[in-house]
Amino acid sequence: MAVPQITSYPKNPPAEAWSWAALTFFAAVQLCGCGGAEGPTGPPPGPAVIVSPADYTFTALGDTARFEAVMKDASGDTVEVARFEWSSSNEDVATVDSAGLVTAVAPGLATIVAEARGLRGDVRLAVEVSPSVSAGWTHSCGITIGGDAYCWGDNESGQLGAGTTTGRQAPVPVAGGIEFAAVSAGRHHTCGVTAGGVAYCWGFNRDGQLGDGTATDRSNPVRVLDGLAFAVVSAGDLHTCGVTTDGLAHCWGQNANGQLGDDTRTNRSIPVPVSGEHSFAMVSAAAGYSCGVTTDGRAFCWGSNWHGQLGDGTETDRPTPVLVRRLFEFALVSAGVGHSCGLSSGGSAYCWGRNIFGQLGDGTTFEWHIPIPITGELRFAMLSAGVAHTCAATGVSAYCWGDGSDGQIGDGATTEQHSPVLVSGGISFSAVSAGAGHTCGAAKDGNAYCWGDNSDGQLGDGTTTDRVTPTRVAW
């Protein structure tokens, strides 16, 4: 797919307008006080507050969990405490009441603290929202509540996973009877992961993007090799990335631009670790590059950078992860085709890279090489960067911006929008996914809706008629 090049737009925000572009980055240094041969010289351990459960993750907004706190003395015995004072380090992400009941508010990271008698204990938690529907280039896929995967649209390479190469205008079940937890539609291939961490891919495989050790197309799901346990997978253009349950990112497939992040340009037909040994919470594979967010809220990107989509302030390709230049915690990042977007831990949206259609949402068509905020004061629960447009969901409503020539903005028109506009229909969306010329969303009523280009049946409504507003997928 040809992507128009931009040569006349400013590459970085003017210094006087965007003072944060020159902010100094500070490294956090851990100091270790270690005893010599005589043993530790510090004071003996004293009483401590312990908060449980530890390492907690919410997967839906509004979910709650009860946290408990106890005080232990130096011997490990429980000390009676009349009352603990509870607090959250980031109430935009999670709140906690006086009894330790925590509520998920928005994607991101937060620390829950319990304090008594001058002592405090804490636990880190994450709020992660994953879509149950995924829009690819010319096909789409989704998962039912029971874990059954369905796909629809273009199927020339078997990317619907139904055992054929026949296109479908309505959902067909993915073969194999596999119960999936998540699915990701790429350009001409699809990948999914089970609740047990097993990754499968199907469709186009010329560059090894299915991860089965071959270059053979597959119309049925094949297991990704090497026995890794994946928490999430993301299908891009000609490559795939995933994060294992121990937080390590792996990629496989085409690597001409360094998009696998292994410091080579060599294609891989099985997963290879991304360099740097970062602990990732999520990853997003795109067209020639990839991005991810670490468990401590930093965003990294690697691969092609011809529009500044890596967010490091340059146009230099990177075969290993580089830090996205922004001084806040990222909750998620989504990589598209020449542009990327991310959410802060409080739900604020930022985008960077190619902007010829206004897909950065800043009200202009200027190209930026570091993150800039979208216009307005909207706070989002999740966000998705497509080929030339971007969409996001607040947990109640959906908004889109950028190229609207096929109706993929969903506002009833076919014009481009340089700032977020509300998707028509009054549907309460929990997640949205931006593809090439179409968009799909998962609604709180249990239905999936798609809108935009429908030339291959990728809207799943049983027709090939384009739609400028959401139309229900014909499950």
Protein backbone atom coordinates (compact mmCIF):
# COMPACT_ATOMS: atom_id res chain seq x y z
CA MET A 1 0.00 0.00 0.00
CA ALA A 2 1.50 3.32 -1.10
CA VAL A 3 1.78 5.88 1.66
CA PRO A 4 2.05 9.57 0.63
CA GLN A 5 5.23 11.23 1.82
CA ILE A 6 5.27 14.60 3.57
CA THR A 7 8.18 16.91 2.94
CA SER A 8 6.98 20.41 3.81
CA TYR A 9 5.68 20.20 7.36
CA PRO A 10 7.58 21.19 10.51
CA LYS A 11 9.15 18.21 12.23
CA ASN A 12 9.10 19.29 15.89
CA PRO A 13 6.99 21.74 17.89
CA PRO A 14 8.38 25.28 18.10
CA ALA A 15 10.34 25.74 21.32
CA GLU A 16 8.32 28.74 22.41
CA ALA A 17 5.03 26.86 21.99
CA TRP A 18 6.07 23.47 23.37
CA SER A 19 8.47 24.04 26.21
CA TRP A 20 8.31 20.40 27.21
CA ALA A 21 10.15 19.44 24.02
CA ALA A 22 13.41 20.43 25.70
CA LEU A 23 12.72 19.08 29.19
CA THR A 24 15.56 17.29 30.92
CA PHE A 25 15.08 13.60 31.52
CA PHE A 26 16.03 12.34 34.95
CA ALA A 27 17.27 8.83 35.63
CA ALA A 28 16.06 7.14 38.77
CA VAL A 29 19.05 5.65 40.58
CA GLN A 30 18.63 2.87 43.10
CA LEU A 31 21.13 3.03 45.94
CA CYS A 32 22.20 -0.19 47.56
CA GLY A 33 23.53 -0.12 51.12
CA CYS A 34 25.30 -3.43 51.43
CA GLY A 35 27.18 -4.70 54.44
CA GLY A 36 30.71 -6.03 54.29
CA ALA A 37 32.08 -9.23 55.74
CA GLU A 38 30.80 -8.30 59.19
CA GLY A 39 27.20 -8.34 57.95
CA PRO A 40 24.53 -5.58 57.83
CA THR A 41 25.23 -2.47 59.88
CA GLY A 42 21.76 -0.90 59.66
CA PRO A 43 19.02 -1.11 62.28
CA PRO A 44 17.20 -4.41 62.78
CA PRO A 45 13.93 -4.86 60.91
CA GLY A 46 10.99 -3.24 62.63
CA PRO A 47 7.22 -3.36 62.23
CA ALA A 48 5.81 -3.03 58.72
CA VAL A 49 2.47 -2.63 56.95
CA ILE A 50 1.72 -5.27 54.34
CA VAL A 51 -0.96 -4.72 51.66
CA SER A 52 -2.51 -7.53 49.63
CA PRO A 53 -3.20 -8.69 47.00
CA ALA A 54 0.05 -7.80 45.24
CA ASP A 55 0.59 -7.08 41.51
CA TYR A 56 -3.11 -6.67 40.81
CA THR A 57 -4.50 -5.98 37.31
CA PHE A 58 -8.00 -4.72 36.45
CA THR A 59 -9.24 -5.62 32.95
CA ALA A 60 -12.44 -3.56 32.83
CA LEU A 61 -13.36 -0.04 33.88
CA GLY A 62 -15.60 0.09 36.93
CA ASP A 63 -14.34 -3.23 38.31
CA THR A 64 -13.69 -3.30 42.06
CA ALA A 65 -11.48 -5.31 44.38
CA ARG A 66 -11.09 -5.36 48.16
CA PHE A 67 -7.53 -4.77 49.39
CA GLU A 68 -6.44 -5.79 52.89
CA ALA A 69 -3.74 -4.36 55.16
CA VAL A 70 -2.06 -5.86 58.22
CA MET A 71 0.73 -4.65 60.47
CA LYS A 72 3.47 -7.13 61.41
CA ASP A 73 6.09 -6.67 64.13
CA ALA A 74 9.76 -7.59 63.80
CA SER A 75 8.95 -11.19 64.64
CA GLY A 76 6.27 -11.44 62.00
CA ASP A 77 3.38 -11.42 64.46
CA THR A 78 0.26 -9.43 63.66
CA VAL A 79 -0.18 -6.13 65.50
CA GLU A 80 -3.74 -5.01 66.18
CA VAL A 81 -4.56 -1.76 64.38
CA ALA A 82 -7.86 0.03 64.85
CA ARG A 83 -7.90 1.70 61.43
CA PHE A 84 -5.79 2.14 58.31
CA GLU A 85 -5.81 5.30 56.19
CA TRP A 86 -6.16 4.38 52.51
CA SER A 87 -5.06 6.48 49.52
CA SER A 88 -4.31 6.19 45.79
CA SER A 89 -1.29 7.74 44.11
CA ASN A 90 -3.34 8.35 40.96
CA GLU A 91 -7.09 8.75 41.39
CA ASP A 92 -7.45 9.29 37.63
CA VAL A 93 -6.58 5.57 37.31
CA ALA A 94 -7.99 3.98 40.49
CA THR A 95 -9.74 5.19 43.62
CA VAL A 96 -9.89 3.59 47.06
CA ASP A 97 -12.40 4.11 49.86
CA SER A 98 -11.85 4.10 53.62
CA ALA A 99 -12.34 0.32 53.78
CA GLY A 100 -9.79 -0.55 51.05
CA LEU A 101 -12.28 -1.05 48.19
CA VAL A 102 -10.46 -0.12 44.96
CA THR A 103 -12.30 0.92 41.78
CA ALA A 104 -10.77 0.97 38.29
CA VAL A 105 -11.32 4.39 36.67
CA ALA A 106 -9.05 4.58 33.59
CA PRO A 107 -6.12 2.65 32.03
CA GLY A 108 -2.77 3.22 33.70
CA LEU A 109 -0.74 2.52 36.80
CA ALA A 110 -1.41 3.49 40.41
CA THR A 111 -0.10 2.71 43.87
CA ILE A 112 -2.57 1.93 46.66
CA VAL A 113 -1.26 2.94 50.10
CA ALA A 114 -2.38 1.87 53.58
CA GLU A 115 -1.01 3.87 56.54
CA ALA A 116 -1.23 3.54 60.33
CA ARG A 117 0.89 4.61 63.31
CA GLY A 118 3.31 6.44 61.02
CA LEU A 119 3.99 3.33 58.95
CA ARG A 120 2.79 2.68 55.43
CA GLY A 121 2.58 -0.20 53.01
CA ASP A 122 1.71 -0.09 49.34
CA VAL A 123 0.98 -2.20 46.30
CA ARG A 124 1.20 -1.40 42.61
CA LEU A 125 -1.78 -2.06 40.36
CA ALA A 126 -2.58 -1.72 36.65
CA VAL A 127 -5.80 -1.01 34.78
CA GLU A 128 -5.80 -2.54 31.30
CA VAL A 129 -8.70 -2.46 28.82
CA SER A 130 -8.49 -4.75 25.79
CA PRO A 131 -10.84 -4.65 22.78
CA SER A 132 -12.91 -7.72 21.88
CA VAL A 133 -13.07 -6.67 18.22
CA SER A 134 -10.14 -5.87 15.91
CA ALA A 135 -10.15 -4.08 12.54
CA GLY A 136 -7.37 -5.02 10.12
CA TRP A 137 -6.67 -3.62 6.67
CA THR A 138 -9.59 -5.25 4.83
CA HIS A 139 -10.87 -7.78 7.33
CA SER A 140 -12.05 -7.77 10.93
CA CYS A 141 -12.24 -10.24 13.79
CA GLY A 142 -13.95 -10.45 17.15
CA ILE A 143 -14.44 -12.70 20.16
CA THR A 144 -17.70 -13.69 21.80
CA ILE A 145 -18.18 -13.75 25.56
CA GLY A 146 -17.55 -17.51 25.45
CA GLY A 147 -14.17 -17.08 23.74
CA ASP A 148 -15.17 -18.11 20.23
CA ALA A 149 -13.31 -16.16 17.53
CA TYR A 150 -15.04 -14.99 14.35
CA CYS A 151 -13.64 -13.10 11.34
CA TRP A 152 -15.12 -11.45 8.24
CA GLY A 153 -14.04 -9.58 5.10
CA ASP A 154 -11.13 -10.22 2.71
CA ASN A 155 -9.72 -13.74 2.86
CA GLU A 156 -7.32 -14.12 -0.07
CA SER A 157 -4.55 -15.39 2.23
CA GLY A 158 -6.75 -17.29 4.68
CA GLN A 159 -6.72 -14.49 7.26
CA LEU A 160 -10.26 -15.34 8.37
CA GLY A 161 -9.00 -18.67 9.71
CA ALA A 162 -12.01 -20.58 8.44
CA GLY A 163 -10.08 -23.17 6.42
CA THR A 164 -10.72 -21.48 3.07
CA THR A 165 -9.63 -18.44 1.06
CA THR A 166 -13.20 -17.34 0.33
CA GLY A 167 -14.12 -13.84 1.48
CA ARG A 168 -17.08 -13.39 3.82
CA GLN A 169 -19.47 -10.48 4.31
CA ALA A 170 -20.64 -11.77 7.70
CA PRO A 171 -18.71 -13.41 10.55
CA VAL A 172 -17.50 -17.00 10.17
CA PRO A 173 -16.02 -19.01 13.04
CA VAL A 174 -12.27 -19.46 13.21
CA ALA A 175 -11.52 -23.16 12.77
CA GLY A 176 -10.14 -25.42 15.47
CA GLY A 177 -12.55 -24.82 18.34
CA ILE A 178 -9.91 -22.80 20.20
CA GLU A 179 -11.11 -20.60 23.06
CA PHE A 180 -9.40 -17.22 22.65
CA ALA A 181 -8.91 -14.44 25.17
CA ALA A 182 -7.86 -11.84 22.57
CA VAL A 183 -7.50 -11.53 18.80
CA SER A 184 -5.61 -9.09 16.57
CA ALA A 185 -6.26 -8.51 12.86
CA GLY A 186 -3.25 -7.33 10.81
CA ARG A 187 -2.91 -6.59 7.11
CA HIS A 188 -3.32 -10.08 5.65
CA HIS A 189 -2.90 -12.21 8.76
CA THR A 190 -4.50 -12.58 12.18
CA CYS A 191 -3.22 -13.74 15.56
CA GLY A 192 -4.87 -14.65 18.83
CA VAL A 193 -3.93 -15.78 22.31
CA THR A 194 -5.73 -18.11 24.69
CA ALA A 195 -6.32 -17.55 28.39
CA GLY A 196 -3.58 -20.11 28.98
CA GLY A 197 -1.04 -18.03 27.05
CA VAL A 198 -0.87 -20.07 23.83
CA ALA A 199 -0.52 -17.89 20.70
CA TYR A 200 -1.91 -18.86 17.30
CA CYS A 201 -1.70 -17.09 13.91
CA TRP A 202 -3.21 -17.64 10.47
CA GLY A 203 -3.22 -16.07 6.99
CA PHE A 204 -0.35 -14.61 4.94
CA ASN A 205 3.07 -15.93 5.94
CA ARG A 206 5.62 -14.92 3.28
CA ASP A 207 7.88 -13.27 5.86
CA GLY A 208 7.29 -15.69 8.73
CA GLN A 209 4.73 -13.47 10.48
CA LEU A 210 2.73 -16.51 11.65
CA GLY A 211 5.65 -17.64 13.81
CA ASP A 212 5.37 -21.33 12.95
CA GLY A 213 8.89 -21.63 11.51
CA THR A 214 7.72 -21.61 7.87
CA ALA A 215 6.81 -19.19 5.10
CA THR A 216 3.63 -21.07 4.18
CA ASP A 217 0.24 -19.36 4.23
CA ARG A 218 -2.28 -20.94 6.61
CA SER A 219 -6.06 -20.80 6.43
CA ASN A 220 -6.36 -22.48 9.84
CA PRO A 221 -4.73 -21.34 13.11
CA VAL A 222 -1.19 -22.63 13.68
CA ARG A 223 0.59 -22.45 16.99
CA VAL A 224 3.41 -19.94 17.38
CA LEU A 225 6.59 -21.91 18.06
CA ASP A 226 9.07 -22.08 20.93
CA GLY A 227 6.57 -22.75 23.70
CA LEU A 228 6.38 -19.18 24.99
CA ALA A 229 3.45 -18.19 27.20
CA PHE A 230 1.97 -14.94 25.84
CA ALA A 231 -0.18 -12.42 27.65
CA VAL A 232 -0.91 -10.44 24.47
CA VAL A 233 -0.17 -10.57 20.73
CA SER A 234 -0.43 -7.86 18.06
CA ALA A 235 -0.55 -8.50 14.30
CA GLY A 236 0.94 -5.72 12.16
CA ASP A 237 1.60 -5.34 8.45
CA LEU A 238 4.12 -8.11 7.76
CA HIS A 239 5.24 -8.89 11.30
CA THR A 240 3.80 -9.77 14.70
CA CYS A 241 4.79 -8.95 18.27
CA GLY A 242 3.74 -10.25 21.64
CA VAL A 243 4.46 -9.92 25.34
CA THR A 244 5.07 -13.05 27.37
CA THR A 245 3.60 -13.57 30.80
CA ASP A 246 6.98 -12.66 32.33
CA GLY A 247 6.92 -9.24 30.62
CA LEU A 248 9.39 -9.86 27.78
CA ALA A 249 8.53 -8.63 24.27
CA HIS A 250 9.10 -10.90 21.28
CA CYS A 251 8.55 -10.23 17.57
CA TRP A 252 8.64 -12.28 14.37
CA GLY A 253 8.18 -11.83 10.61
CA GLN A 254 9.60 -9.18 8.31
CA ASN A 255 12.49 -7.16 9.70
CA ALA A 256 13.67 -4.92 6.82
CA ASN A 257 13.29 -1.79 8.98
CA GLY A 258 14.33 -3.29 12.30
CA GLN A 259 10.70 -3.67 13.38
CA LEU A 260 11.47 -6.86 15.31
CA GLY A 261 13.72 -4.90 17.66
CA ASP A 262 16.46 -7.53 17.84
CA ASP A 263 19.21 -5.23 16.49
CA THR A 264 19.23 -6.95 13.08
CA ARG A 265 17.46 -6.60 9.72
CA THR A 266 16.96 -10.35 9.40
CA ASN A 267 13.47 -11.82 8.96
CA ARG A 268 12.44 -14.32 11.63
CA SER A 269 9.88 -17.12 11.31
CA ILE A 270 9.79 -17.78 15.06
CA PRO A 271 9.70 -15.26 17.93
CA VAL A 272 12.94 -13.47 18.88
CA PRO A 273 13.35 -11.33 22.02
CA VAL A 274 13.24 -7.56 21.63
CA SER A 275 16.56 -6.07 22.73
CA GLY A 276 16.95 -4.21 25.99
CA GLU A 277 15.37 -6.61 28.49
CA HIS A 278 12.61 -4.13 29.26
CA SER A 279 9.59 -5.39 31.17
CA PHE A 280 6.63 -4.67 28.88
CA ALA A 281 2.95 -4.48 29.77
CA MET A 282 1.74 -4.26 26.15
CA VAL A 283 2.99 -4.04 22.57
CA SER A 284 1.59 -2.82 19.24
CA ALA A 285 2.85 -4.01 15.84
CA ALA A 286 2.28 -1.70 12.87
CA ALA A 287 3.56 -1.11 9.32
CA GLY A 288 7.33 -1.44 9.51
CA TYR A 289 7.66 -0.56 13.19
CA SER A 290 6.47 -1.48 16.67
CA CYS A 291 5.79 0.25 19.98
CA GLY A 292 5.24 -0.88 23.54
CA VAL A 293 4.70 0.34 27.09
CA THR A 294 6.76 -0.97 30.00
CA THR A 295 5.38 -1.88 33.38
CA ASP A 296 6.75 1.38 34.79
CA GLY A 297 4.83 3.49 32.25
CA ARG A 298 7.56 4.27 29.70
CA ALA A 299 6.83 4.05 25.95
CA PHE A 300 9.38 2.64 23.50
CA CYS A 301 9.24 2.26 19.71
CA TRP A 302 11.54 0.61 17.14
CA GLY A 303 11.78 0.09 13.37
CA SER A 304 10.90 2.49 10.54
CA ASN A 305 10.90 6.17 11.48
CA TRP A 306 10.46 8.05 8.19
CA HIS A 307 7.65 10.21 9.61
CA GLY A 308 8.94 10.42 13.17
CA GLN A 309 6.49 7.76 14.32
CA LEU A 310 8.98 6.41 16.88
CA GLY A 311 8.57 9.61 18.88
CA ASP A 312 12.25 10.14 19.65
CA GLY A 313 12.49 13.48 17.84
CA THR A 314 14.27 12.09 14.75
CA GLU A 315 13.58 10.39 11.41
CA THR A 316 16.23 7.73 12.02
CA ASP A 317 15.21 4.07 11.82
CA ARG A 318 15.96 2.15 15.02
CA PRO A 319 16.54 -1.66 15.14
CA THR A 320 16.26 -1.57 18.95
CA PRO A 321 13.76 0.21 21.24
CA VAL A 322 14.14 3.97 21.73
CA LEU A 323 12.36 5.95 24.40
CA VAL A 324 9.38 8.03 23.29
CA ARG A 325 10.07 11.60 24.43
CA ARG A 326 7.43 12.47 26.98
CA LEU A 327 7.60 13.04 30.74
CA PHE A 328 4.54 11.19 31.97
CA GLU A 329 3.45 7.62 32.52
CA PHE A 330 1.92 5.93 29.47
CA ALA A 331 -0.99 3.56 29.96
CA LEU A 332 -0.95 2.29 26.38
CA VAL A 333 0.40 3.06 22.92
CA SER A 334 -1.00 2.19 19.50
CA ALA A 335 1.08 2.08 16.32
CA GLY A 336 -0.51 2.73 12.92
CA VAL A 337 0.94 3.47 9.49
CA GLY A 338 3.39 6.32 9.93
CA HIS A 339 1.76 7.68 13.08
CA SER A 340 1.44 6.54 16.68
CA CYS A 341 -0.78 7.54 19.57
CA GLY A 342 -0.78 6.88 23.29
CA LEU A 343 -2.71 7.52 26.46
CA SER A 344 -1.31 8.91 29.67
CA SER A 345 -2.16 7.10 32.88
CA GLY A 346 -4.93 9.67 33.38
CA GLY A 347 -6.50 9.07 29.95
CA SER A 348 -5.12 12.09 28.05
CA ALA A 349 -4.35 11.33 24.39
CA TYR A 350 -1.15 12.22 22.55
CA CYS A 351 -0.10 11.43 18.96
CA TRP A 352 3.04 11.82 16.82
CA GLY A 353 4.28 11.12 13.28
CA ARG A 354 2.49 11.42 9.94
CA ASN A 355 -0.39 13.90 9.95
CA ILE A 356 -1.40 14.58 6.34
CA PHE A 357 -5.05 13.79 7.14
CA GLY A 358 -5.11 15.22 10.65
CA GLN A 359 -4.76 11.80 12.25
CA LEU A 360 -2.79 13.28 15.14
CA GLY A 361 -5.90 15.12 16.28
CA ASP A 362 -4.14 18.39 17.11
CA GLY A 363 -6.23 20.50 14.73
CA THR A 364 -3.44 20.73 12.12
CA THR A 365 -1.86 18.66 9.36
CA PHE A 366 1.69 19.33 10.57
CA GLU A 367 3.98 16.37 11.14
CA TRP A 368 5.41 16.04 14.66
CA HIS A 369 8.28 13.84 15.80
CA ILE A 370 7.45 13.84 19.50
CA PRO A 371 4.07 13.39 21.22
CA ILE A 372 1.65 16.32 21.10
CA PRO A 373 -1.73 16.50 22.84
CA ILE A 374 -4.91 16.18 20.84
CA THR A 375 -7.32 19.09 20.99
CA GLY A 376 -9.99 19.24 23.67
CA GLU A 377 -10.21 18.01 27.24
CA LEU A 378 -11.37 14.47 26.51
CA ARG A 379 -10.23 11.55 28.68
CA PHE A 380 -10.18 8.12 27.07
CA ALA A 381 -10.23 4.54 28.29
CA MET A 382 -8.54 3.15 25.17
CA LEU A 383 -7.25 4.31 21.80
CA SER A 384 -6.39 2.81 18.39
CA ALA A 385 -4.25 4.20 15.53
CA GLY A 386 -5.23 3.01 12.06
CA VAL A 387 -3.70 3.58 8.64
CA ALA A 388 -4.66 7.25 8.36
CA HIS A 389 -7.16 7.83 11.13
CA THR A 390 -7.38 7.33 14.88
CA CYS A 391 -10.25 6.39 17.17
CA ALA A 392 -10.70 6.28 20.93
CA ALA A 393 -13.37 5.33 23.46
CA THR A 394 -14.21 7.01 26.73
CA GLY A 395 -15.98 3.94 28.05
CA VAL A 396 -19.25 5.62 27.09
CA SER A 397 -18.75 7.25 23.70
CA ALA A 398 -16.38 6.82 20.74
CA TYR A 399 -14.49 9.56 18.91
CA CYS A 400 -12.48 9.44 15.67
CA TRP A 401 -10.29 11.84 13.67
CA GLY A 402 -8.15 11.87 10.52
CA ASP A 403 -9.01 10.47 7.08
CA GLY A 404 -12.76 10.11 6.64
CA SER A 405 -12.98 9.48 2.90
CA ASP A 406 -14.64 6.08 3.36
CA GLY A 407 -16.80 7.05 6.32
CA GLN A 408 -14.36 5.54 8.86
CA ILE A 409 -14.79 8.53 11.19
CA GLY A 410 -18.40 7.45 11.76
CA ASP A 411 -19.87 10.95 11.97
CA GLY A 412 -22.17 10.55 8.98
CA ALA A 413 -19.80 12.26 6.52
CA THR A 414 -16.85 11.39 4.27
CA THR A 415 -14.60 14.34 5.10
CA GLU A 416 -11.38 14.35 7.08
CA GLN A 417 -11.36 15.66 10.62
CA HIS A 418 -8.33 17.24 12.26
CA SER A 419 -9.75 17.02 15.79
CA PRO A 420 -11.81 14.34 17.57
CA VAL A 421 -15.46 14.14 16.53
CA LEU A 422 -18.18 12.08 18.18
CA VAL A 423 -19.14 8.85 16.42
CA SER A 424 -22.85 9.00 15.55
CA GLY A 425 -25.56 6.72 16.85
CA GLY A 426 -25.45 7.25 20.60
CA ILE A 427 -23.88 3.81 21.12
CA SER A 428 -21.99 3.20 24.36
CA PHE A 429 -18.62 1.78 23.27
CA SER A 430 -16.19 0.07 25.62
CA ALA A 431 -13.50 -0.30 22.92
CA VAL A 432 -12.78 0.70 19.31
CA SER A 433 -10.29 -0.50 16.70
CA ALA A 434 -9.17 1.59 13.70
CA GLY A 435 -8.19 -0.31 10.55
CA ALA A 436 -7.39 0.97 7.05
CA GLY A 437 -10.60 2.48 5.69
CA HIS A 438 -12.91 1.16 8.38
CA THR A 439 -13.40 1.07 12.15
CA CYS A 440 -15.01 -1.43 14.49
CA GLY A 441 -16.15 -1.10 18.07
CA ALA A 442 -17.31 -3.28 20.93
CA ALA A 443 -20.45 -1.90 22.55
CA LYS A 444 -21.61 -2.34 26.11
CA ASP A 445 -24.84 -3.88 24.80
CA GLY A 446 -22.80 -6.95 23.76
CA ASN A 447 -22.88 -6.18 20.04
CA ALA A 448 -20.06 -5.28 17.67
CA TYR A 449 -20.44 -2.39 15.23
CA CYS A 450 -18.33 -1.38 12.23
CA TRP A 451 -18.35 1.59 9.84
CA GLY A 452 -16.47 2.91 6.79
CA ASP A 453 -15.15 1.04 3.74
CA ASN A 454 -17.01 -2.21 3.12
CA SER A 455 -15.74 -3.23 -0.32
CA ASP A 456 -14.57 -6.61 1.01
CA GLY A 457 -17.36 -7.11 3.54
CA GLN A 458 -15.11 -6.02 6.42
CA LEU A 459 -18.03 -4.36 8.22
CA GLY A 460 -19.65 -7.76 8.69
CA ASP A 461 -23.22 -6.62 8.04
CA GLY A 462 -23.80 -9.06 5.18
CA THR A 463 -23.28 -6.46 2.43
CA THR A 464 -20.49 -4.65 0.58
CA THR A 465 -22.10 -1.24 1.10
CA ASP A 466 -19.99 1.46 2.73
CA ARG A 467 -21.42 2.91 5.96
CA VAL A 468 -20.77 6.39 7.33
CA THR A 469 -22.26 5.56 10.74
CA PRO A 470 -21.96 2.40 12.87
CA THR A 471 -23.77 -0.67 11.58
CA ARG A 472 -24.26 -3.78 13.68
CA VAL A 473 -22.15 -6.82 12.81
CA ALA A 474 -24.45 -9.69 11.77
CA TRP A 475 -23.28 -12.31 14.27
